[in-house]
Amino acid sequence: MPRIVDLTSTIDPAQRDLLPDHIKHLKAVVAPVVEVFHPKEKGLEITCNVLGCCPEDLPDGEGWGAERLNDMSSHCGTHVDAPLHSGATIEGKAARTISDIALEELYRPGIVLDVRPWVQPREAISIEALDRALEAAGGRIEQGMAVLLRTGQERYGYNDPEFTTYPGMTREGTLHLTNQGATILGTDSFAWDRPFDVMRKIFAETGDRSVLWDGHYAIKEREAFIVQKLENLGALPLRGFMVGFFPIKLKGMSAAPARVVAFVD
């Protein structure tokens, strides 16, 4: 039986208020607001109303436990981006949504590119860094592979200053991986591209529109699924494993939270 490695970050509502001020508007991608219906409190009241009974009619005087999730993004926590997230048209055709993607496309042989020795905070991950990491991992991306970038960012929490200083991918780096056959692109960072303030600053200073979210827009040229906020990549071999990305089946949406699990022989 293969060893199962959970690569999914925990969605914790308590972390919503830990985001730095400049990305506080992204709380919904961290966790939902949760309304709790405890079996001895609100859950009990609802159960009695639904079943037409009294608390003493129920085992231990308890109803059911439940929660209501509010203010939750389809990009919450570890999630799979459907091509639609990068634009309405992908490779000249209507972009696919998360419910259009077959599970067979989301269960793929994986490879870890450990780029930590060759990247700097807030800077682009160079093609040279990708190639060096690829050489260390066996030197080849096979068609249909899931490429998982280990940048080291998983060691930072939302309240760490380094959380938003991740190195990020560009159009050139993204196409470098997809042109070799990668169909799933994962990262342990909060985002695939360079930090938002970095792209904003470069654009303000140069007027160069090509720097704006260019890692994601590269999917318009060659389709792939981007997965963000992975954890535990250090528990994997660099290659020789399968990985499953299991998103919630949300009809017609641009992404969905996912349970990501690696299977290591």
Protein backbone atom coordinates (compact mmCIF):
# COMPACT_ATOMS: atom_id res chain seq x y z
CA MET A 1 0.00 0.00 0.00
CA PRO A 2 1.44 3.42 -0.89
CA ARG A 3 2.34 5.97 1.75
CA ILE A 4 -0.21 8.80 1.75
CA VAL A 5 1.13 12.35 2.11
CA ASP A 6 -1.34 15.19 2.70
CA LEU A 7 -0.21 18.31 0.81
CA THR A 8 -3.22 20.42 1.81
CA SER A 9 -3.12 23.47 4.06
CA THR A 10 -5.69 23.66 6.85
CA ILE A 11 -8.45 26.24 6.43
CA ASP A 12 -8.62 28.04 9.77
CA PRO A 13 -11.03 30.99 10.22
CA ALA A 14 -8.83 32.34 13.02
CA GLN A 15 -6.20 33.16 10.39
CA ARG A 16 -8.39 35.65 8.52
CA ASP A 17 -7.27 38.52 10.73
CA LEU A 18 -3.55 37.68 10.44
CA LEU A 19 -3.17 38.94 6.87
CA PRO A 20 -0.94 41.99 6.35
CA ASP A 21 -2.80 45.25 5.78
CA HIS A 22 -2.02 45.46 2.06
CA ILE A 23 -3.83 42.17 1.35
CA LYS A 24 -6.56 42.29 4.00
CA HIS A 25 -9.12 42.39 1.17
CA LEU A 26 -8.15 38.77 0.42
CA LYS A 27 -9.54 37.36 3.68
CA ALA A 28 -12.00 35.18 1.78
CA VAL A 29 -9.15 33.21 0.17
CA VAL A 30 -7.75 32.40 3.61
CA ALA A 31 -10.88 31.00 5.28
CA PRO A 32 -14.62 31.57 5.51
CA VAL A 33 -16.49 33.28 8.31
CA VAL A 34 -18.02 30.39 10.24
CA GLU A 35 -21.32 30.37 12.13
CA VAL A 36 -21.30 27.38 14.50
CA PHE A 37 -24.40 25.36 15.39
CA HIS A 38 -23.28 23.32 18.42
CA PRO A 39 -25.24 20.11 19.25
CA LYS A 40 -26.12 21.50 22.70
CA GLU A 41 -26.97 25.02 21.53
CA LYS A 42 -28.16 26.33 18.15
CA GLY A 43 -27.89 22.85 16.63
CA LEU A 44 -30.26 21.54 19.27
CA GLU A 45 -32.77 24.31 18.60
CA ILE A 46 -32.75 23.65 14.84
CA THR A 47 -33.06 19.88 15.30
CA CYS A 48 -36.07 20.26 17.57
CA ASN A 49 -37.72 22.68 15.14
CA VAL A 50 -37.18 20.35 12.18
CA LEU A 51 -38.27 17.16 13.94
CA GLY A 52 -41.03 18.68 16.07
CA CYS A 53 -39.58 17.35 19.31
CA CYS A 54 -38.16 18.56 22.62
CA PRO A 55 -34.54 18.25 23.83
CA GLU A 56 -35.52 15.47 26.24
CA ASP A 57 -36.71 13.42 23.26
CA LEU A 58 -33.16 13.27 21.86
CA PRO A 59 -30.16 11.18 22.98
CA ASP A 60 -28.25 13.13 25.64
CA GLY A 61 -30.54 16.07 24.88
CA GLU A 62 -28.42 16.95 21.87
CA GLY A 63 -29.23 17.93 18.33
CA TRP A 64 -26.93 17.86 15.33
CA GLY A 65 -23.74 19.81 14.94
CA ALA A 66 -23.35 21.98 11.85
CA GLU A 67 -21.64 25.08 10.53
CA ARG A 68 -22.60 27.77 8.04
CA LEU A 69 -19.76 29.13 5.90
CA ASN A 70 -19.92 32.74 4.76
CA ASP A 71 -17.59 35.07 2.82
CA MET A 72 -15.62 32.19 1.29
CA SER A 73 -13.81 32.46 -2.03
CA SER A 74 -13.72 29.63 -4.55
CA HIS A 75 -9.94 30.16 -4.25
CA CYS A 76 -9.92 29.49 -0.51
CA GLY A 77 -7.01 27.58 1.02
CA THR A 78 -5.26 24.98 -1.10
CA HIS A 79 -7.19 25.20 -4.35
CA VAL A 80 -7.14 24.28 -8.02
CA ASP A 81 -7.45 27.09 -10.55
CA ALA A 82 -9.49 26.16 -13.60
CA PRO A 83 -8.35 27.74 -16.88
CA LEU A 84 -11.24 30.24 -16.57
CA HIS A 85 -9.31 31.96 -13.76
CA SER A 86 -6.76 33.13 -16.33
CA GLY A 87 -9.29 34.40 -18.87
CA ALA A 88 -12.44 33.64 -20.81
CA THR A 89 -10.47 32.30 -23.78
CA ILE A 90 -7.71 29.70 -23.47
CA GLU A 91 -5.74 28.51 -26.50
CA GLY A 92 -8.32 30.27 -28.66
CA LYS A 93 -11.27 28.36 -27.17
CA ALA A 94 -13.76 28.99 -24.40
CA ALA A 95 -12.01 28.46 -21.08
CA ARG A 96 -12.87 25.36 -19.08
CA THR A 97 -14.35 25.67 -15.59
CA ILE A 98 -13.58 23.55 -12.55
CA SER A 99 -16.58 21.27 -13.22
CA ASP A 100 -15.35 20.66 -16.79
CA ILE A 101 -12.14 18.98 -15.61
CA ALA A 102 -12.17 15.18 -15.42
CA LEU A 103 -10.68 13.55 -12.33
CA GLU A 104 -8.31 11.61 -14.59
CA GLU A 105 -6.68 14.95 -15.45
CA LEU A 106 -6.19 15.65 -11.75
CA TYR A 107 -4.49 12.38 -10.81
CA ARG A 108 -1.02 12.65 -12.30
CA PRO A 109 2.59 11.56 -11.83
CA GLY A 110 4.33 14.27 -9.84
CA ILE A 111 7.74 15.89 -9.70
CA VAL A 112 9.05 18.32 -7.08
CA LEU A 113 11.28 21.15 -8.24
CA ASP A 114 13.10 22.33 -5.13
CA VAL A 115 14.14 25.80 -6.23
CA ARG A 116 15.09 27.04 -2.75
CA PRO A 117 18.86 27.34 -3.42
CA TRP A 118 18.34 29.56 -6.47
CA VAL A 119 15.52 31.97 -5.63
CA GLN A 120 15.30 35.28 -3.83
CA PRO A 121 12.32 36.81 -1.99
CA ARG A 122 10.04 38.99 -4.12
CA GLU A 123 11.92 38.14 -7.31
CA ALA A 124 11.04 36.09 -10.37
CA ILE A 125 11.93 32.40 -10.37
CA SER A 126 14.33 32.20 -13.28
CA ILE A 127 14.38 29.56 -15.97
CA GLU A 128 17.89 28.73 -14.81
CA ALA A 129 16.55 27.99 -11.31
CA LEU A 130 13.82 25.78 -12.76
CA ASP A 131 16.32 23.90 -14.92
CA ARG A 132 18.73 23.35 -12.04
CA ALA A 133 15.94 22.00 -9.86
CA LEU A 134 14.73 19.84 -12.74
CA GLU A 135 18.21 18.40 -13.23
CA ALA A 136 18.35 17.54 -9.51
CA ALA A 137 14.96 15.80 -9.87
CA GLY A 138 15.97 13.62 -12.81
CA GLY A 139 16.11 16.04 -15.69
CA ARG A 140 12.80 15.52 -17.45
CA ILE A 141 9.15 16.57 -17.28
CA GLU A 142 6.91 13.92 -18.82
CA GLN A 143 3.74 14.84 -20.69
CA GLY A 144 0.86 15.30 -18.25
CA MET A 145 3.01 15.66 -15.16
CA ALA A 146 2.18 17.72 -12.10
CA VAL A 147 5.12 20.02 -11.36
CA LEU A 148 5.24 21.13 -7.71
CA LEU A 149 7.49 24.07 -6.83
CA ARG A 150 9.09 24.01 -3.40
CA THR A 151 10.07 27.59 -2.64
CA GLY A 152 10.21 27.21 1.15
CA GLN A 153 7.29 29.56 1.72
CA GLU A 154 5.24 27.01 3.65
CA ARG A 155 7.35 27.70 6.71
CA TYR A 156 5.81 31.17 7.07
CA GLY A 157 2.45 31.87 8.66
CA TYR A 158 0.06 34.66 7.71
CA ASN A 159 1.43 36.93 10.45
CA ASP A 160 5.09 36.50 9.43
CA PRO A 161 6.58 39.47 7.50
CA GLU A 162 8.03 36.98 5.00
CA PHE A 163 4.62 35.57 4.10
CA THR A 164 4.12 38.02 1.23
CA THR A 165 7.76 38.11 0.09
CA TYR A 166 7.57 34.88 -1.90
CA PRO A 167 9.46 34.40 -5.16
CA GLY A 168 7.05 34.05 -8.05
CA MET A 169 6.62 32.79 -11.55
CA THR A 170 6.55 34.79 -14.77
CA ARG A 171 5.05 34.14 -18.20
CA GLU A 172 8.39 32.82 -19.45
CA GLY A 173 8.88 30.46 -16.53
CA THR A 174 5.32 29.17 -16.70
CA LEU A 175 5.54 28.45 -20.43
CA HIS A 176 8.93 26.82 -19.87
CA LEU A 177 7.16 24.19 -17.75
CA THR A 178 3.97 23.77 -19.78
CA ASN A 179 5.85 23.55 -23.08
CA GLN A 180 7.73 20.56 -21.65
CA GLY A 181 4.45 18.81 -20.85
CA ALA A 182 3.37 19.96 -17.39
CA THR A 183 -0.41 20.17 -17.11
CA ILE A 184 -0.62 20.93 -13.38
CA LEU A 185 1.52 23.63 -11.78
CA GLY A 186 1.67 23.69 -7.99
CA THR A 187 3.42 25.92 -5.47
CA ASP A 188 3.81 26.17 -1.71
CA SER A 189 3.42 29.95 -2.00
CA PHE A 190 0.34 32.09 -1.42
CA ALA A 191 0.28 32.86 -5.15
CA TRP A 192 1.82 31.63 -8.40
CA ASP A 193 3.00 35.00 -9.71
CA ARG A 194 5.30 37.48 -8.04
CA PRO A 195 3.78 39.37 -5.09
CA PHE A 196 1.04 41.77 -6.13
CA ASP A 197 2.87 44.85 -4.83
CA VAL A 198 5.97 43.89 -6.80
CA MET A 199 4.05 43.69 -10.08
CA ARG A 200 2.21 46.90 -9.26
CA LYS A 201 5.47 48.76 -8.54
CA ILE A 202 7.17 47.61 -11.73
CA PHE A 203 4.15 48.62 -13.80
CA ALA A 204 3.93 52.04 -12.11
CA GLU A 205 7.61 52.72 -12.78
CA THR A 206 7.87 51.34 -16.31
CA GLY A 207 4.37 51.20 -17.78
CA ASP A 208 5.21 47.65 -18.90
CA ARG A 209 1.86 45.84 -18.98
CA SER A 210 3.52 42.47 -19.62
CA VAL A 211 4.49 42.21 -15.92
CA LEU A 212 0.89 42.21 -14.71
CA TRP A 213 -0.10 38.74 -13.45
CA ASP A 214 1.92 37.30 -16.32
CA GLY A 215 2.36 33.85 -14.76
CA HIS A 216 -1.39 33.28 -14.75
CA TYR A 217 -1.96 34.90 -18.14
CA ALA A 218 0.51 32.41 -19.63
CA ILE A 219 -2.24 29.81 -19.22
CA LYS A 220 -4.13 31.62 -22.00
CA GLU A 221 -1.40 30.44 -24.37
CA ARG A 222 -1.06 26.88 -23.07
CA GLU A 223 -3.68 25.36 -20.80
CA ALA A 224 -2.73 24.08 -17.36
CA PHE A 225 -4.19 24.02 -13.86
CA ILE A 226 -2.48 26.13 -11.19
CA VAL A 227 -2.57 24.93 -7.57
CA GLN A 228 -1.57 27.26 -4.74
CA LYS A 229 -0.85 26.97 -1.01
CA LEU A 230 0.53 23.43 -0.94
CA GLU A 231 2.21 22.10 2.18
CA ASN A 232 4.50 19.24 3.14
CA LEU A 233 6.41 19.03 -0.16
CA GLY A 234 9.52 18.17 1.85
CA ALA A 235 7.93 14.81 2.74
CA LEU A 236 7.99 13.76 -0.92
CA PRO A 237 10.73 12.28 -3.07
CA LEU A 238 11.61 14.52 -6.00
CA ARG A 239 9.83 12.13 -8.36
CA GLY A 240 8.32 8.66 -8.48
CA PHE A 241 4.94 9.39 -6.91
CA MET A 242 1.37 10.04 -7.95
CA VAL A 243 -0.60 13.03 -6.75
CA GLY A 244 -4.34 13.61 -6.72
CA PHE A 245 -5.96 17.03 -6.74
CA PHE A 246 -9.57 16.66 -5.63
CA PRO A 247 -11.47 19.97 -5.89
CA ILE A 248 -15.04 20.51 -4.76
CA LYS A 249 -17.26 20.08 -7.83
CA LEU A 250 -18.54 23.65 -8.15
CA LYS A 251 -20.55 24.11 -11.33
CA GLY A 252 -19.05 26.54 -13.82
CA MET A 253 -16.58 28.21 -11.45
CA SER A 254 -13.01 29.40 -11.90
CA ALA A 255 -11.57 27.40 -8.99
CA ALA A 256 -12.40 25.24 -6.01
CA PRO A 257 -10.81 24.36 -2.67
CA ALA A 258 -9.16 20.95 -2.95
CA ARG A 259 -7.75 18.10 -0.91
CA VAL A 260 -4.35 17.37 -2.44
CA VAL A 261 -2.83 14.00 -1.63
CA ALA A 262 0.36 12.31 -2.82
CA PHE A 263 0.71 8.52 -3.06
CA VAL A 264 4.31 7.35 -2.58
CA ASP A 265 5.27 3.72 -3.21
